[in-house]
Amino acid sequence: MKKIKILLAVLLISFTAVAQEFSVNTSKSELKWTGKKVTGEHWGFIKLKDGSITLKNDKTLAGVFHIDMNSIDNKDLEDPEYNGKLVGHLKSDDFFGVAKFSIATLKITKSTPLKNNTTDVTGDLTIKGITHPVTFKAMKSETGYTASIKIDRTKYDIRYGSGKFFDSLGDNMIYDEFVLDINLFLE
């Protein structure tokens, strides 16, 4: 009887220690970008092409997310002409250069165990072929995870309108950081 209890305990520990891989539901997941300038802000969405995450004991072991930069849109400008101009400019070489760099990638490299449904995540973000580490807090929800990542665009050679690189911009200055608010649905 003692051997059976030990065997059951070993099986239970083994079962709970197995890593699980989840795919991202790209049609339900949202990535909202917000960029600010001296005179206001713009915001819109970018779609995930695909993504997956591997979890074990409430800790993220790995994850990779491919972002379709061609899908970037704007939701705050109602005039179709101005909206089209802004989206075209964001897709141009002044910003994301999507003709050459159509995919951005976030690769999770480590995380802390969940505490109060929150984890600290570190990953490598690649935009325009340039990779830099990012850190952020992610919160577990019933359907997946939410997070907000502040990104310094100048690290990815996106210098247009940056006060770091251009003088006398005045009201035309665009802040270097933009925010990516993420709502991931897992399957």
Protein backbone atom coordinates (compact mmCIF):
# COMPACT_ATOMS: atom_id res chain seq x y z
CA MET A 1 0.00 0.00 0.00
CA LYS A 2 2.84 2.37 0.80
CA LYS A 3 4.35 1.74 -2.66
CA ILE A 4 1.04 2.62 -4.32
CA LYS A 5 0.83 5.92 -2.41
CA ILE A 6 4.41 6.79 -3.37
CA LEU A 7 3.71 5.88 -7.02
CA LEU A 8 0.55 8.03 -7.01
CA ALA A 9 2.46 10.94 -5.46
CA VAL A 10 5.21 10.64 -8.10
CA LEU A 11 2.63 10.49 -10.90
CA LEU A 12 0.78 13.51 -9.49
CA ILE A 13 4.01 15.53 -9.25
CA SER A 14 5.03 14.45 -12.76
CA PHE A 15 1.63 15.36 -14.17
CA THR A 16 1.62 18.85 -12.66
CA ALA A 17 5.20 19.51 -13.82
CA VAL A 18 4.42 18.97 -17.52
CA ALA A 19 4.74 22.05 -19.66
CA GLN A 20 1.71 23.05 -21.72
CA GLU A 21 1.83 24.90 -25.03
CA PHE A 22 -1.00 27.20 -26.02
CA SER A 23 -1.67 28.89 -29.34
CA VAL A 24 -2.83 32.49 -29.50
CA ASN A 25 -6.29 33.08 -30.93
CA THR A 26 -5.30 35.81 -33.39
CA SER A 27 -8.86 36.80 -34.30
CA LYS A 28 -9.80 37.58 -30.67
CA SER A 29 -6.45 38.95 -29.45
CA GLU A 30 -5.81 42.71 -29.63
CA LEU A 31 -2.69 44.82 -29.82
CA LYS A 32 -3.51 48.50 -29.39
CA TRP A 33 -0.78 51.05 -30.06
CA THR A 34 -0.79 54.61 -28.72
CA GLY A 35 1.72 57.22 -29.86
CA LYS A 36 1.87 60.70 -28.36
CA LYS A 37 3.10 64.04 -29.65
CA VAL A 38 3.24 67.51 -28.15
CA THR A 39 -0.20 68.40 -29.53
CA GLY A 40 -2.02 65.13 -28.85
CA GLU A 41 -1.95 61.44 -29.62
CA HIS A 42 -2.96 58.81 -32.15
CA TRP A 43 -3.98 55.21 -31.60
CA GLY A 44 -5.00 52.12 -33.49
CA PHE A 45 -4.46 48.40 -33.74
CA ILE A 46 -1.92 45.92 -35.13
CA LYS A 47 -2.81 42.26 -35.71
CA LEU A 48 -0.94 39.21 -34.58
CA LYS A 49 0.01 36.89 -37.42
CA ASP A 50 0.54 34.01 -34.98
CA GLY A 51 1.83 33.24 -31.53
CA SER A 52 2.31 30.57 -28.90
CA ILE A 53 3.19 30.40 -25.24
CA THR A 54 4.53 27.54 -23.12
CA LEU A 55 3.53 27.46 -19.44
CA LYS A 56 4.63 25.25 -16.59
CA ASN A 57 3.51 25.62 -12.97
CA ASP A 58 2.09 29.13 -13.59
CA LYS A 59 5.34 30.32 -15.13
CA THR A 60 5.98 31.23 -18.76
CA LEU A 61 8.83 29.13 -20.07
CA ALA A 62 8.73 30.39 -23.64
CA GLY A 63 6.65 32.35 -26.06
CA VAL A 64 6.92 33.82 -29.52
CA PHE A 65 4.57 36.28 -31.18
CA HIS A 66 4.74 37.50 -34.79
CA ILE A 67 3.11 40.89 -35.41
CA ASP A 68 1.83 41.77 -38.90
CA MET A 69 3.09 45.32 -39.37
CA ASN A 70 1.12 45.67 -42.63
CA SER A 71 -2.06 45.50 -40.55
CA ILE A 72 -1.35 48.72 -38.61
CA ASP A 73 -4.35 51.00 -38.62
CA ASN A 74 -5.56 54.21 -36.98
CA LYS A 75 -8.84 54.60 -35.11
CA ASP A 76 -8.81 58.19 -33.84
CA LEU A 77 -8.88 60.05 -37.19
CA GLU A 78 -12.32 59.93 -38.80
CA ASP A 79 -11.43 61.80 -41.99
CA PRO A 80 -10.43 59.07 -44.49
CA GLU A 81 -7.84 61.31 -46.17
CA TYR A 82 -5.95 62.18 -42.96
CA ASN A 83 -6.34 58.64 -41.65
CA GLY A 84 -4.85 57.23 -44.86
CA LYS A 85 -1.97 59.71 -44.75
CA LEU A 86 -1.12 58.79 -41.15
CA VAL A 87 -1.28 55.03 -41.78
CA GLY A 88 0.79 55.43 -44.95
CA HIS A 89 3.37 57.44 -43.02
CA LEU A 90 3.51 54.82 -40.23
CA LYS A 91 4.14 52.12 -42.86
CA SER A 92 6.85 54.21 -44.57
CA ASP A 93 10.58 54.11 -43.88
CA ASP A 94 10.17 57.14 -41.57
CA PHE A 95 8.53 54.77 -39.10
CA PHE A 96 8.15 50.97 -39.46
CA GLY A 97 9.30 50.40 -43.07
CA VAL A 98 6.78 47.61 -43.58
CA ALA A 99 7.71 47.03 -47.24
CA LYS A 100 11.01 45.60 -45.99
CA PHE A 101 10.10 44.69 -42.38
CA SER A 102 6.56 43.32 -42.50
CA ILE A 103 6.88 41.26 -39.30
CA ALA A 104 7.87 42.36 -35.79
CA THR A 105 8.61 39.64 -33.23
CA LEU A 106 8.37 39.37 -29.46
CA LYS A 107 10.17 36.37 -28.00
CA ILE A 108 9.73 35.67 -24.28
CA THR A 109 13.08 34.82 -22.64
CA LYS A 110 12.07 34.57 -18.97
CA SER A 111 9.35 35.31 -16.44
CA THR A 112 8.63 35.11 -12.75
CA PRO A 113 6.04 32.74 -11.28
CA LEU A 114 2.54 34.17 -11.05
CA LYS A 115 1.80 36.08 -7.86
CA ASN A 116 -1.69 37.55 -7.52
CA ASN A 117 -2.20 36.69 -11.21
CA THR A 118 0.74 38.94 -12.19
CA THR A 119 4.14 38.01 -13.61
CA ASP A 120 7.23 39.99 -14.62
CA VAL A 121 8.20 39.14 -18.18
CA THR A 122 11.43 39.73 -20.10
CA GLY A 123 11.64 39.27 -23.83
CA ASP A 124 13.41 40.26 -27.01
CA LEU A 125 11.47 42.63 -29.26
CA THR A 126 12.51 42.86 -32.90
CA ILE A 127 11.29 45.79 -35.00
CA LYS A 128 12.84 46.71 -38.38
CA GLY A 129 15.34 43.86 -37.94
CA ILE A 130 16.70 45.41 -34.70
CA THR A 131 16.35 43.48 -31.42
CA HIS A 132 16.33 44.91 -27.90
CA PRO A 133 15.18 43.48 -24.56
CA VAL A 134 11.90 44.63 -23.06
CA THR A 135 10.44 44.05 -19.60
CA PHE A 136 6.82 44.36 -18.58
CA LYS A 137 4.17 43.05 -16.22
CA ALA A 138 1.59 40.62 -17.56
CA MET A 139 -1.66 39.80 -15.82
CA LYS A 140 -3.42 36.47 -16.19
CA SER A 141 -7.10 36.67 -17.11
CA GLU A 142 -9.73 33.98 -17.58
CA THR A 143 -8.97 33.82 -21.30
CA GLY A 144 -5.23 34.57 -21.48
CA TYR A 145 -3.03 37.50 -20.55
CA THR A 146 -3.02 41.30 -20.67
CA ALA A 147 0.04 43.53 -20.67
CA SER A 148 1.17 47.05 -21.43
CA ILE A 149 4.62 47.57 -22.94
CA LYS A 150 6.37 50.94 -23.27
CA ILE A 151 8.66 50.90 -26.29
CA ASP A 152 11.34 53.46 -27.12
CA ARG A 153 10.98 53.65 -30.91
CA THR A 154 14.38 55.33 -31.37
CA LYS A 155 16.11 52.08 -30.33
CA TYR A 156 14.64 50.57 -33.51
CA ASP A 157 15.87 53.34 -35.81
CA ILE A 158 12.52 55.13 -35.83
CA ARG A 159 13.72 58.69 -35.44
CA TYR A 160 11.11 60.75 -37.30
CA GLY A 161 10.09 63.78 -35.21
CA SER A 162 12.26 62.73 -32.25
CA GLY A 163 13.63 65.50 -30.03
CA LYS A 164 16.73 63.33 -29.45
CA PHE A 165 17.76 63.66 -33.07
CA PHE A 166 16.19 66.86 -34.40
CA ASP A 167 16.27 70.44 -33.12
CA SER A 168 13.56 73.08 -33.41
CA LEU A 169 10.66 70.65 -33.81
CA GLY A 170 8.37 72.68 -31.58
CA ASP A 171 4.80 71.40 -31.77
CA ASN A 172 5.85 68.81 -34.36
CA MET A 173 7.86 66.76 -31.87
CA ILE A 174 6.70 63.15 -31.41
CA TYR A 175 7.52 61.46 -28.10
CA ASP A 176 10.01 58.61 -28.36
CA GLU A 177 7.98 56.09 -26.37
CA PHE A 178 4.83 54.49 -27.63
CA VAL A 179 2.64 52.03 -25.73
CA LEU A 180 1.47 48.63 -26.89
CA ASP A 181 -1.53 47.38 -24.87
CA ILE A 182 -1.92 43.65 -25.35
CA ASN A 183 -4.93 41.43 -24.75
CA LEU A 184 -4.00 37.81 -25.60
CA PHE A 185 -6.62 35.07 -25.95
CA LEU A 186 -5.15 31.58 -25.63
CA GLU A 187 -6.49 28.34 -27.11
